[in-house]
Amino acid sequence: MEWIMAALAVAGAIAIGWISAANETLSRAADGAAAVSVLALGAVAGAGIIRTIRHGTLFMTEIHSVLDNPVLLISGSYLVVYSISRLGAAVFFSPERSR
């Protein structure tokens, strides 16, 4: 199952890289989606931390409520694929590497 998820992440990264290279507007949209994903991820994690501090306890149900949050899952998944895409572009298409 992990190999399938890794292959899908690489395929998604290639798609984001191709779309970003094809059109500057779409590249900015991918960057904007990553920024929104970071904000969403921080909001979900922050809400979980505040809940923990407010109640003064740390239960596995609180941790699982954060990890099972659809916003966290979606934004985290996009950030992984986006990061792979940006790192791959930096490694394989860097101007310094063409010298």
N, C-alpha and C. Protein backbone atom coordinates (compact mmCIF):
# COMPACT_ATOMS: atom_id res chain seq x y z
N MET A 1 0.81 -1.19 0.00
CA MET A 1 0.00 0.00 0.00
C MET A 1 0.87 1.27 0.00
N GLU A 2 1.99 1.22 0.74
CA GLU A 2 2.86 2.39 0.79
C GLU A 2 3.47 2.69 -0.57
N TRP A 3 3.79 1.66 -1.33
CA TRP A 3 4.36 1.88 -2.67
C TRP A 3 3.34 2.53 -3.59
N ILE A 4 2.09 2.14 -3.45
CA ILE A 4 1.04 2.74 -4.27
C ILE A 4 0.89 4.22 -3.92
N MET A 5 0.88 4.53 -2.63
CA MET A 5 0.75 5.92 -2.21
C MET A 5 1.96 6.75 -2.67
N ALA A 6 3.15 6.16 -2.58
CA ALA A 6 4.35 6.86 -3.04
C ALA A 6 4.29 7.11 -4.54
N ALA A 7 3.84 6.11 -5.30
CA ALA A 7 3.72 6.27 -6.75
C ALA A 7 2.69 7.35 -7.10
N LEU A 8 1.59 7.38 -6.36
CA LEU A 8 0.58 8.41 -6.60
C LEU A 8 1.11 9.80 -6.24
N ALA A 9 1.90 9.89 -5.18
CA ALA A 9 2.49 11.17 -4.81
C ALA A 9 3.46 11.66 -5.88
N VAL A 10 4.26 10.78 -6.42
CA VAL A 10 5.19 11.15 -7.49
C VAL A 10 4.41 11.55 -8.74
N ALA A 11 3.36 10.80 -9.08
CA ALA A 11 2.55 11.15 -10.25
C ALA A 11 1.89 12.52 -10.06
N GLY A 12 1.39 12.78 -8.87
CA GLY A 12 0.80 14.09 -8.58
C GLY A 12 1.83 15.19 -8.66
N ALA A 13 3.04 14.92 -8.17
CA ALA A 13 4.12 15.91 -8.22
C ALA A 13 4.50 16.22 -9.66
N ILE A 14 4.56 15.19 -10.49
CA ILE A 14 4.87 15.41 -11.91
C ILE A 14 3.78 16.24 -12.56
N ALA A 15 2.52 15.95 -12.22
CA ALA A 15 1.41 16.72 -12.79
C ALA A 15 1.48 18.18 -12.36
N ILE A 16 1.74 18.43 -11.08
CA ILE A 16 1.85 19.81 -10.60
C ILE A 16 3.04 20.51 -11.26
N GLY A 17 4.16 19.80 -11.38
CA GLY A 17 5.33 20.38 -12.04
C GLY A 17 5.06 20.71 -13.50
N TRP A 18 4.39 19.82 -14.20
CA TRP A 18 4.08 20.05 -15.60
C TRP A 18 3.12 21.24 -15.76
N ILE A 19 2.09 21.28 -14.91
CA ILE A 19 1.12 22.37 -14.97
C ILE A 19 1.81 23.70 -14.63
N SER A 20 2.67 23.68 -13.63
CA SER A 20 3.36 24.91 -13.23
C SER A 20 4.30 25.41 -14.33
N ALA A 21 4.95 24.49 -15.02
CA ALA A 21 5.86 24.88 -16.10
C ALA A 21 5.10 25.38 -17.32
N ALA A 22 3.89 24.88 -17.51
CA ALA A 22 3.12 25.23 -18.70
C ALA A 22 2.51 26.62 -18.64
N ASN A 23 2.18 27.09 -17.45
CA ASN A 23 1.45 28.34 -17.35
C ASN A 23 1.81 29.05 -16.05
N GLU A 24 2.19 30.30 -16.13
CA GLU A 24 2.56 31.07 -14.94
C GLU A 24 1.37 31.27 -14.00
N THR A 25 0.19 31.48 -14.54
CA THR A 25 -0.99 31.66 -13.71
C THR A 25 -1.30 30.39 -12.92
N LEU A 26 -1.19 29.24 -13.57
CA LEU A 26 -1.43 27.98 -12.87
C LEU A 26 -0.34 27.70 -11.85
N SER A 27 0.87 28.14 -12.13
CA SER A 27 1.95 28.00 -11.17
C SER A 27 1.66 28.82 -9.92
N ARG A 28 1.18 30.04 -10.11
CA ARG A 28 0.81 30.87 -8.96
C ARG A 28 -0.37 30.28 -8.21
N ALA A 29 -1.30 29.66 -8.92
CA ALA A 29 -2.44 29.01 -8.26
C ALA A 29 -1.96 27.83 -7.41
N ALA A 30 -1.00 27.06 -7.90
CA ALA A 30 -0.45 25.94 -7.12
C ALA A 30 0.27 26.48 -5.88
N ASP A 31 1.00 27.58 -6.03
CA ASP A 31 1.67 28.20 -4.88
C ASP A 31 0.65 28.73 -3.88
N GLY A 32 -0.40 29.33 -4.38
CA GLY A 32 -1.46 29.84 -3.50
C GLY A 32 -2.17 28.72 -2.76
N ALA A 33 -2.41 27.62 -3.45
CA ALA A 33 -3.04 26.47 -2.79
C ALA A 33 -2.15 25.91 -1.70
N ALA A 34 -0.85 25.94 -1.92
CA ALA A 34 0.08 25.48 -0.89
C ALA A 34 0.04 26.42 0.32
N ALA A 35 -0.03 27.71 0.08
CA ALA A 35 -0.11 28.67 1.18
C ALA A 35 -1.39 28.49 1.99
N VAL A 36 -2.50 28.28 1.30
CA VAL A 36 -3.77 28.03 1.99
C VAL A 36 -3.70 26.71 2.76
N SER A 37 -3.05 25.72 2.20
CA SER A 37 -2.90 24.44 2.89
C SER A 37 -2.09 24.58 4.17
N VAL A 38 -1.04 25.38 4.12
CA VAL A 38 -0.24 25.61 5.34
C VAL A 38 -1.09 26.30 6.40
N LEU A 39 -1.88 27.30 6.00
CA LEU A 39 -2.76 27.98 6.95
C LEU A 39 -3.79 27.02 7.55
N ALA A 40 -4.38 26.18 6.71
CA ALA A 40 -5.38 25.23 7.19
C ALA A 40 -4.76 24.22 8.14
N LEU A 41 -3.59 23.72 7.78
CA LEU A 41 -2.87 22.77 8.62
C LEU A 41 -2.55 23.39 9.98
N GLY A 42 -2.09 24.62 9.97
CA GLY A 42 -1.79 25.32 11.22
C GLY A 42 -3.03 25.58 12.06
N ALA A 43 -4.14 25.89 11.41
CA ALA A 43 -5.38 26.14 12.14
C ALA A 43 -5.88 24.88 12.84
N VAL A 44 -5.84 23.76 12.15
CA VAL A 44 -6.30 22.50 12.73
C VAL A 44 -5.39 22.09 13.88
N ALA A 45 -4.09 22.17 13.67
CA ALA A 45 -3.14 21.82 14.74
C ALA A 45 -3.27 22.78 15.91
N GLY A 46 -3.41 24.06 15.63
CA GLY A 46 -3.55 25.05 16.69
C GLY A 46 -4.81 24.85 17.50
N ALA A 47 -5.90 24.52 16.84
CA ALA A 47 -7.15 24.27 17.56
C ALA A 47 -6.99 23.06 18.49
N GLY A 48 -6.30 22.04 18.03
CA GLY A 48 -6.06 20.86 18.87
C GLY A 48 -5.19 21.20 20.07
N ILE A 49 -4.19 22.04 19.86
CA ILE A 49 -3.31 22.46 20.96
C ILE A 49 -4.08 23.30 21.98
N ILE A 50 -4.89 24.21 21.50
CA ILE A 50 -5.68 25.05 22.41
C ILE A 50 -6.66 24.21 23.21
N ARG A 51 -7.30 23.23 22.55
CA ARG A 51 -8.21 22.32 23.26
C ARG A 51 -7.48 21.58 24.37
N THR A 52 -6.27 21.11 24.06
CA THR A 52 -5.48 20.38 25.04
C THR A 52 -5.10 21.27 26.22
N ILE A 53 -4.67 22.48 25.95
CA ILE A 53 -4.29 23.40 27.02
C ILE A 53 -5.51 23.80 27.85
N ARG A 54 -6.61 24.08 27.17
CA ARG A 54 -7.83 24.51 27.88
C ARG A 54 -8.34 23.44 28.83
N HIS A 55 -8.32 22.18 28.39
CA HIS A 55 -8.80 21.09 29.23
C HIS A 55 -7.74 20.59 30.20
N GLY A 56 -6.49 20.92 29.95
CA GLY A 56 -5.42 20.49 30.84
C GLY A 56 -5.13 19.00 30.77
N THR A 57 -5.56 18.37 29.70
CA THR A 57 -5.35 16.93 29.56
C THR A 57 -4.90 16.63 28.13
N LEU A 58 -4.34 15.47 27.97
CA LEU A 58 -3.96 15.02 26.64
C LEU A 58 -4.43 13.59 26.48
N PHE A 59 -5.50 13.42 25.77
CA PHE A 59 -6.06 12.10 25.52
C PHE A 59 -5.79 11.70 24.08
N MET A 60 -5.69 10.43 23.85
CA MET A 60 -5.49 9.95 22.48
C MET A 60 -6.66 10.34 21.59
N THR A 61 -7.85 10.50 22.17
CA THR A 61 -8.99 10.91 21.35
C THR A 61 -8.79 12.32 20.81
N GLU A 62 -8.14 13.19 21.58
CA GLU A 62 -7.86 14.53 21.09
C GLU A 62 -6.84 14.50 19.97
N ILE A 63 -5.82 13.68 20.12
CA ILE A 63 -4.81 13.55 19.06
C ILE A 63 -5.45 12.97 17.81
N HIS A 64 -6.27 11.95 17.99
CA HIS A 64 -6.91 11.34 16.82
C HIS A 64 -7.92 12.27 16.17
N SER A 65 -8.53 13.14 16.95
CA SER A 65 -9.46 14.10 16.33
C SER A 65 -8.71 15.05 15.41
N VAL A 66 -7.47 15.37 15.76
CA VAL A 66 -6.66 16.22 14.88
C VAL A 66 -6.20 15.42 13.67
N LEU A 67 -5.68 14.23 13.90
CA LEU A 67 -5.16 13.42 12.79
C LEU A 67 -6.26 12.93 11.85
N ASP A 68 -7.47 12.82 12.36
CA ASP A 68 -8.59 12.32 11.55
C ASP A 68 -9.38 13.45 10.89
N ASN A 69 -8.95 14.68 11.08
CA ASN A 69 -9.64 15.83 10.52
C ASN A 69 -9.43 15.85 9.00
N PRO A 70 -10.51 15.93 8.21
CA PRO A 70 -10.37 15.93 6.75
C PRO A 70 -9.54 17.10 6.23
N VAL A 71 -9.62 18.26 6.88
CA VAL A 71 -8.83 19.41 6.45
C VAL A 71 -7.34 19.10 6.58
N LEU A 72 -6.96 18.49 7.70
CA LEU A 72 -5.56 18.12 7.91
C LEU A 72 -5.11 17.09 6.87
N LEU A 73 -5.95 16.11 6.60
CA LEU A 73 -5.58 15.06 5.64
C LEU A 73 -5.43 15.62 4.23
N ILE A 74 -6.35 16.44 3.82
CA ILE A 74 -6.31 16.99 2.46
C ILE A 74 -5.15 17.98 2.30
N SER A 75 -5.03 18.91 3.25
CA SER A 75 -3.97 19.91 3.12
C SER A 75 -2.59 19.28 3.29
N GLY A 76 -2.46 18.34 4.19
CA GLY A 76 -1.18 17.65 4.36
C GLY A 76 -0.79 16.86 3.12
N SER A 77 -1.76 16.20 2.52
CA SER A 77 -1.48 15.43 1.30
C SER A 77 -1.05 16.35 0.16
N TYR A 78 -1.75 17.47 0.01
CA TYR A 78 -1.36 18.40 -1.05
C TYR A 78 0.03 18.96 -0.81
N LEU A 79 0.34 19.28 0.44
CA LEU A 79 1.66 19.84 0.73
C LEU A 79 2.78 18.84 0.45
N VAL A 80 2.54 17.57 0.70
CA VAL A 80 3.56 16.56 0.39
C VAL A 80 3.80 16.51 -1.12
N VAL A 81 2.73 16.45 -1.89
CA VAL A 81 2.86 16.37 -3.35
C VAL A 81 3.48 17.65 -3.90
N TYR A 82 3.03 18.80 -3.40
CA TYR A 82 3.56 20.09 -3.84
C TYR A 82 5.05 20.19 -3.52
N SER A 83 5.43 19.77 -2.32
CA SER A 83 6.84 19.82 -1.93
C SER A 83 7.71 18.94 -2.81
N ILE A 84 7.25 17.74 -3.11
CA ILE A 84 7.99 16.85 -4.01
C ILE A 84 8.16 17.53 -5.38
N SER A 85 7.09 18.16 -5.85
CA SER A 85 7.14 18.84 -7.15
C SER A 85 8.17 19.97 -7.15
N ARG A 86 8.14 20.81 -6.13
CA ARG A 86 9.06 21.94 -6.07
C ARG A 86 10.51 21.49 -5.88
N LEU A 87 10.72 20.49 -5.05
CA LEU A 87 12.07 19.98 -4.85
C LEU A 87 12.59 19.32 -6.13
N GLY A 88 11.74 18.57 -6.80
CA GLY A 88 12.14 17.94 -8.06
C GLY A 88 12.49 18.97 -9.11
N ALA A 89 11.70 20.04 -9.18
CA ALA A 89 11.99 21.10 -10.14
C ALA A 89 13.32 21.78 -9.81
N ALA A 90 13.57 21.98 -8.53
CA ALA A 90 14.83 22.62 -8.13
C ALA A 90 16.03 21.73 -8.44
N VAL A 91 15.87 20.43 -8.29
CA VAL A 91 16.99 19.52 -8.53
C VAL A 91 17.23 19.31 -10.01
N PHE A 92 16.17 19.05 -10.77
CA PHE A 92 16.34 18.65 -12.17
C PHE A 92 16.33 19.82 -13.15
N PHE A 93 15.77 20.95 -12.77
CA PHE A 93 15.67 22.05 -13.73
C PHE A 93 16.32 23.34 -13.23
N SER A 94 17.25 23.21 -12.31
CA SER A 94 17.97 24.34 -11.76
C SER A 94 18.90 24.92 -12.82
N PRO A 95 18.96 26.26 -12.95
CA PRO A 95 19.87 26.86 -13.93
C PRO A 95 21.35 26.53 -13.64
N GLU A 96 21.69 26.35 -12.38
CA GLU A 96 23.07 26.05 -12.02
C GLU A 96 23.48 24.66 -12.52
N ARG A 97 22.56 23.75 -12.65
CA ARG A 97 22.88 22.39 -13.07
C ARG A 97 23.16 22.30 -14.57
N SER A 98 22.74 23.31 -15.33
CA SER A 98 22.94 23.26 -16.77
C SER A 98 24.33 23.71 -17.19
N ARG A 99 25.13 24.17 -16.27
CA ARG A 99 26.50 24.64 -16.59
C ARG A 99 27.45 23.51 -16.76
